[in-house]
Amino acid sequence: MREVSFLWERKRPEDFIVKEVSDFEEDERGEHYLYLLAKRNYTTKELSRAFNLSYAGMKDKFALTFQEVSSPEFLGDFISNSDGDRWFALKFLKRIRRKVKVGQLKGNRFAVNLSGFPLKERRAFVNYYDAQRVGGNWERGRELFKKLLERPRRRLKWIENFLLDSYLSHLWNKSLELYLKERFNGHLIADGGVRFFIPEGLEERLSELPKFWTILGYKKKLLDSEGYYQEVLREEGFTLKEVIEGLRALGIKGDYRMSYVSVSDFKVVGSYGHFFLPKGSFATMFLKHLQAV
């Protein structure tokens, strides 16, 4: 199978612009204060710690990003700071009843610099977890999971949850990849030490695919994914039964994730590609599918 490298790269933060799409209702007596946070070369977590902010989603550091965040106190109408090649600004919008929580967004609008990028326009892509989620982390997650199978516990550290999520994301990717390889021709694209199978002709056959693919957990039905998880886990040295029981002991319920995403509003203006993606999808994964080979 042909393998190519992912050719898109950001050379400056302005090459990757993202704005959250959310809808928080104003409440003039609300106890929380909604702000628009714009930032360059800062992480969301860094600024949330500095100002005690609550957020709906993490935004890239090496990017130009816009998102709505909340504060339990009024911070002023406008705060900004510039420090060399990084800056941020907080603009007060309105009062709201409850604080912003993770996941409270519809999705994100992107403007990505595609100058020099070999482009093949596509309208759908496989919703894999991208390299920033799994690359360099899923192996550590697997080793941690092996230890936790011996002595499971419900109270995990943040880094342990992160590594387990990475491993479950890897398993999700690989099980869906097996399913797709049975049905499509395609190629591999490599990024950050991770390879992704990119099927050809996906858009014309979306109706043949399951809309959702199970993220492993003890409360979710496996549906179409069961046999494929069994095969992937066999290669990993596990049985599906022991993994599900281990996740039960850890209190990990599982979920359903869209197996593909349709993109209806992609357009190129100048050197920038503009598009909207629902929450939980990776813009860089869409770019991998757009890359002409």
Protein backbone atom coordinates (compact mmCIF):
# COMPACT_ATOMS: atom_id res chain seq x y z
CA MET A 1 0.00 0.00 0.00
CA ARG A 2 1.34 3.42 -0.93
CA GLU A 3 2.52 5.59 1.97
CA VAL A 4 3.08 9.34 1.86
CA SER A 5 4.01 11.97 4.42
CA PHE A 6 1.61 14.64 5.60
CA LEU A 7 2.81 17.79 3.84
CA TRP A 8 0.85 20.56 5.53
CA GLU A 9 2.66 22.51 8.23
CA ARG A 10 2.06 25.73 10.08
CA LYS A 11 4.95 28.15 9.92
CA ARG A 12 3.30 30.83 12.02
CA PRO A 13 0.24 30.93 14.29
CA GLU A 14 -1.78 32.83 11.67
CA ASP A 15 -1.60 29.77 9.39
CA PHE A 16 -4.19 28.09 11.66
CA ILE A 17 -7.10 30.25 12.79
CA VAL A 18 -9.97 28.75 14.77
CA LYS A 19 -13.11 30.22 16.32
CA GLU A 20 -15.44 28.27 18.58
CA VAL A 21 -19.13 28.24 17.70
CA SER A 22 -21.32 28.24 20.82
CA ASP A 23 -24.55 29.78 22.07
CA PHE A 24 -24.75 30.95 25.68
CA GLU A 25 -27.98 32.64 26.71
CA GLU A 26 -27.70 36.00 28.45
CA ASP A 27 -28.98 36.30 32.02
CA GLU A 28 -28.76 39.80 33.47
CA ARG A 29 -28.76 38.33 36.98
CA GLY A 30 -26.40 35.51 36.13
CA GLU A 31 -23.57 34.72 38.52
CA HIS A 32 -20.99 34.10 35.79
CA TYR A 33 -19.37 36.48 33.33
CA LEU A 34 -18.88 35.46 29.70
CA TYR A 35 -15.76 36.65 27.90
CA LEU A 36 -14.35 36.28 24.42
CA LEU A 37 -10.78 35.04 24.71
CA ALA A 38 -8.49 35.69 21.75
CA LYS A 39 -4.95 34.39 21.97
CA ARG A 40 -1.72 33.74 20.08
CA ASN A 41 0.97 31.34 21.36
CA TYR A 42 -0.83 30.69 24.64
CA THR A 43 -2.57 27.49 25.72
CA THR A 44 -6.16 27.65 26.93
CA LYS A 45 -5.15 25.96 30.17
CA GLU A 46 -2.38 28.50 30.83
CA LEU A 47 -4.78 31.44 30.69
CA SER A 48 -7.60 29.62 32.47
CA ARG A 49 -5.29 29.06 35.43
CA ALA A 50 -4.12 32.67 35.45
CA PHE A 51 -7.65 34.13 35.45
CA ASN A 52 -9.73 31.28 36.93
CA LEU A 53 -11.61 30.77 33.65
CA SER A 54 -13.90 27.93 32.61
CA TYR A 55 -13.84 26.84 28.96
CA ALA A 56 -15.69 24.56 26.55
CA GLY A 57 -12.69 23.29 24.59
CA MET A 58 -8.91 23.37 24.52
CA LYS A 59 -7.44 25.43 21.70
CA ASP A 60 -4.02 25.05 20.08
CA LYS A 61 -1.10 27.05 21.40
CA PHE A 62 0.64 27.63 18.05
CA ALA A 63 -2.41 29.21 16.43
CA LEU A 64 -4.66 32.25 16.41
CA THR A 65 -7.75 31.21 18.39
CA PHE A 66 -11.05 32.68 19.59
CA GLN A 67 -13.31 31.09 22.21
CA GLU A 68 -15.90 31.99 24.82
CA VAL A 69 -14.92 31.46 28.45
CA SER A 70 -16.52 32.31 31.77
CA SER A 71 -15.32 33.80 35.04
CA PRO A 72 -17.04 33.67 38.46
CA GLU A 73 -16.16 37.35 38.90
CA PHE A 74 -16.13 40.47 36.73
CA LEU A 75 -12.62 40.99 35.37
CA GLY A 76 -13.30 44.28 33.62
CA ASP A 77 -14.59 45.13 30.16
CA PHE A 78 -11.29 44.44 28.42
CA ILE A 79 -7.95 42.89 29.42
CA SER A 80 -4.98 42.36 27.13
CA ASN A 81 -1.30 41.64 27.30
CA SER A 82 1.50 41.26 24.75
CA ASP A 83 4.76 39.48 25.49
CA GLY A 84 7.07 39.16 22.51
CA ASP A 85 5.52 36.85 19.93
CA ARG A 86 2.51 36.00 22.08
CA TRP A 87 -0.55 37.91 23.22
CA PHE A 88 -4.05 37.48 24.56
CA ALA A 89 -7.16 39.60 24.99
CA LEU A 90 -10.31 39.11 27.09
CA LYS A 91 -13.45 41.06 26.12
CA PHE A 92 -16.55 40.99 28.33
CA LEU A 93 -19.68 39.87 26.48
CA LYS A 94 -22.53 39.29 28.95
CA ARG A 95 -23.62 37.63 32.16
CA ILE A 96 -24.77 34.02 32.06
CA ARG A 97 -26.51 31.74 34.57
CA ARG A 98 -24.01 28.87 34.72
CA LYS A 99 -20.31 28.61 34.05
CA VAL A 100 -19.00 27.35 30.72
CA LYS A 101 -18.25 23.62 30.81
CA VAL A 102 -16.15 21.32 28.65
CA GLY A 103 -18.11 20.20 25.60
CA GLN A 104 -20.56 23.12 25.57
CA LEU A 105 -19.92 24.10 21.97
CA LYS A 106 -21.41 23.25 18.61
CA GLY A 107 -18.09 23.08 16.81
CA ASN A 108 -15.34 25.24 15.35
CA ARG A 109 -14.84 27.39 12.28
CA PHE A 110 -11.39 27.20 10.73
CA ALA A 111 -9.31 29.28 8.36
CA VAL A 112 -6.17 27.37 7.38
CA ASN A 113 -3.35 28.56 5.13
CA LEU A 114 -3.14 26.08 2.23
CA SER A 115 -0.47 27.92 0.23
CA GLY A 116 1.72 25.33 -1.51
CA PHE A 117 -0.35 22.43 -0.16
CA PRO A 118 -1.30 19.84 -2.85
CA LEU A 119 -5.06 19.92 -2.63
CA LYS A 120 -7.71 17.45 -3.77
CA GLU A 121 -11.09 18.80 -2.71
CA ARG A 122 -13.14 16.35 -0.66
CA ARG A 123 -16.43 16.66 1.19
CA ALA A 124 -16.08 13.95 3.84
CA PHE A 125 -13.37 12.38 5.95
CA VAL A 126 -12.85 9.54 8.40
CA ASN A 127 -13.11 10.96 11.90
CA TYR A 128 -9.89 9.42 13.23
CA TYR A 129 -8.27 10.78 16.36
CA ASP A 130 -5.24 12.62 15.04
CA ALA A 131 -1.55 12.40 15.91
CA GLN A 132 -1.78 15.06 18.62
CA ARG A 133 -4.06 12.68 20.57
CA VAL A 134 -2.39 9.33 19.96
CA GLY A 135 1.16 9.99 18.79
CA GLY A 136 3.75 9.13 21.42
CA ASN A 137 1.05 8.52 24.05
CA TRP A 138 -0.94 5.42 23.20
CA GLU A 139 1.94 3.00 23.96
CA ARG A 140 2.30 4.52 27.43
CA GLY A 141 -1.46 4.23 27.82
CA ARG A 142 -1.29 0.53 26.95
CA GLU A 143 1.40 -0.12 29.56
CA LEU A 144 -0.60 1.81 32.17
CA PHE A 145 -3.72 -0.18 31.30
CA LYS A 146 -1.84 -3.45 31.81
CA LYS A 147 -0.88 -2.34 35.32
CA LEU A 148 -4.38 -1.14 36.11
CA LEU A 149 -5.85 -4.49 35.05
CA GLU A 150 -3.90 -6.04 37.92
CA ARG A 151 -4.94 -3.43 40.50
CA PRO A 152 -7.82 -1.30 39.14
CA ARG A 153 -8.87 1.88 40.94
CA ARG A 154 -11.47 4.54 40.23
CA ARG A 155 -9.44 7.59 41.30
CA LEU A 156 -6.93 8.25 38.53
CA LYS A 157 -4.54 11.16 38.13
CA TRP A 158 -5.06 13.57 35.24
CA ILE A 159 -2.09 12.16 33.33
CA GLU A 160 -3.40 8.62 33.81
CA ASN A 161 -6.80 9.56 32.37
CA PHE A 162 -5.02 11.30 29.49
CA LEU A 163 -2.92 8.24 28.66
CA LEU A 164 -5.89 5.86 28.91
CA ASP A 165 -7.89 8.14 26.61
CA SER A 166 -5.00 8.07 24.15
CA TYR A 167 -4.92 4.27 24.17
CA LEU A 168 -8.69 3.96 23.73
CA SER A 169 -8.45 6.48 20.88
CA HIS A 170 -5.74 4.35 19.25
CA LEU A 171 -7.93 1.26 19.53
CA TRP A 172 -10.87 3.20 18.05
CA ASN A 173 -8.70 4.26 15.09
CA LYS A 174 -7.31 0.80 14.43
CA SER A 175 -10.61 -1.06 14.69
CA LEU A 176 -12.33 1.34 12.29
CA GLU A 177 -9.32 1.18 9.97
CA LEU A 178 -9.70 -2.60 9.71
CA TYR A 179 -13.35 -2.17 8.81
CA LEU A 180 -12.51 0.38 6.11
CA LYS A 181 -9.64 -1.63 4.61
CA GLU A 182 -12.07 -4.48 3.93
CA ARG A 183 -14.23 -2.17 1.83
CA PHE A 184 -12.02 0.50 0.26
CA ASN A 185 -8.81 0.96 -1.61
CA GLY A 186 -6.65 3.76 -0.32
CA HIS A 187 -3.26 4.91 0.88
CA LEU A 188 -1.46 5.59 4.15
CA ILE A 189 -0.48 9.04 5.32
CA ALA A 190 2.18 9.41 8.01
CA ASP A 191 2.35 12.18 10.59
CA GLY A 192 4.33 12.29 13.82
CA GLY A 193 5.11 8.57 13.73
CA VAL A 194 1.44 7.64 13.25
CA ARG A 195 -0.04 6.22 10.05
CA PHE A 196 -3.62 6.69 8.92
CA PHE A 197 -5.50 4.79 6.23
CA ILE A 198 -7.18 7.25 3.83
CA PRO A 199 -9.91 5.52 1.79
CA GLU A 200 -10.69 6.57 -1.76
CA GLY A 201 -14.27 7.19 -2.90
CA LEU A 202 -15.54 7.71 0.63
CA GLU A 203 -18.02 10.46 -0.28
CA GLU A 204 -19.88 8.29 -2.78
CA ARG A 205 -20.42 5.45 -0.28
CA LEU A 206 -21.21 7.15 3.01
CA SER A 207 -24.63 5.50 3.15
CA GLU A 208 -22.90 2.10 3.39
CA LEU A 209 -20.99 3.04 6.55
CA PRO A 210 -22.13 3.03 10.19
CA LYS A 211 -22.64 6.60 11.30
CA PHE A 212 -21.11 5.89 14.72
CA TRP A 213 -18.28 3.65 15.92
CA THR A 214 -18.08 2.58 19.56
CA ILE A 215 -15.44 3.92 21.95
CA LEU A 216 -14.70 1.04 24.27
CA GLY A 217 -16.37 1.05 27.69
CA TYR A 218 -18.53 -1.21 29.82
CA LYS A 219 -21.90 0.51 29.14
CA LYS A 220 -21.88 0.88 25.35
CA LYS A 221 -22.91 -1.74 22.80
CA LEU A 222 -20.17 -2.66 20.32
CA LEU A 223 -22.52 -2.97 17.31
CA ASP A 224 -20.50 -3.24 14.07
CA SER A 225 -17.19 -2.80 15.87
CA GLU A 226 -17.07 -6.00 17.95
CA GLY A 227 -15.17 -8.30 15.58
CA TYR A 228 -12.71 -5.58 14.65
CA TYR A 229 -11.94 -4.76 18.27
CA GLN A 230 -11.39 -8.45 18.92
CA GLU A 231 -8.81 -8.63 16.15
CA VAL A 232 -6.98 -5.45 17.19
CA LEU A 233 -6.90 -6.44 20.86
CA ARG A 234 -5.63 -9.92 20.00
CA GLU A 235 -2.61 -8.26 18.41
CA GLU A 236 -2.23 -6.09 21.52
CA GLY A 237 -2.19 -9.16 23.78
CA PHE A 238 -5.67 -8.71 25.27
CA THR A 239 -9.06 -10.34 24.94
CA LEU A 240 -12.09 -8.15 24.42
CA LYS A 241 -13.73 -9.63 27.51
CA GLU A 242 -10.86 -8.75 29.86
CA VAL A 243 -10.63 -5.23 28.43
CA ILE A 244 -14.35 -4.58 28.98
CA GLU A 245 -14.16 -5.97 32.51
CA GLY A 246 -11.09 -3.85 33.18
CA LEU A 247 -12.90 -0.75 31.97
CA ARG A 248 -15.83 -1.66 34.21
CA ALA A 249 -13.51 -1.83 37.22
CA LEU A 250 -12.09 1.58 36.27
CA GLY A 251 -15.56 3.07 35.80
CA ILE A 252 -14.99 3.89 32.11
CA LYS A 253 -18.41 3.78 30.42
CA GLY A 254 -17.42 4.34 26.77
CA ASP A 255 -19.22 6.37 24.14
CA TYR A 256 -20.15 6.57 20.46
CA ARG A 257 -18.10 8.68 18.05
CA MET A 258 -19.02 9.70 14.51
CA SER A 259 -17.14 7.41 12.15
CA TYR A 260 -17.04 10.07 9.44
CA VAL A 261 -17.73 13.77 9.11
CA SER A 262 -19.36 15.45 6.12
CA VAL A 263 -18.08 18.93 5.32
CA SER A 264 -20.61 20.99 3.41
CA ASP A 265 -19.15 24.49 3.55
CA PHE A 266 -15.53 24.11 2.50
CA LYS A 267 -14.25 26.94 0.31
CA VAL A 268 -10.91 28.42 -0.62
CA VAL A 269 -10.51 32.18 -0.49
CA GLY A 270 -7.07 33.36 -1.54
CA SER A 271 -4.59 31.02 0.12
CA TYR A 272 -6.93 30.03 2.98
CA GLY A 273 -9.32 27.12 3.26
CA HIS A 274 -12.45 27.92 5.30
CA PHE A 275 -14.67 25.23 6.87
CA PHE A 276 -16.74 24.26 9.91
CA LEU A 277 -16.33 21.03 11.88
CA PRO A 278 -18.49 19.66 14.72
CA LYS A 279 -16.89 19.36 18.15
CA GLY A 280 -14.54 16.45 18.63
CA SER A 281 -13.23 16.48 15.05
CA PHE A 282 -9.67 17.36 14.06
CA ALA A 283 -9.08 19.96 11.36
CA THR A 284 -5.68 18.39 10.63
CA MET A 285 -7.42 15.09 9.89
CA PHE A 286 -9.60 16.82 7.31
CA LEU A 287 -6.40 18.24 5.80
CA LYS A 288 -4.92 14.73 5.57
CA HIS A 289 -7.88 13.69 3.47
CA LEU A 290 -7.58 16.82 1.33
CA GLN A 291 -3.95 16.13 0.47
CA ALA A 292 -3.54 15.06 -3.15
CA VAL A 293 -1.32 12.03 -3.69
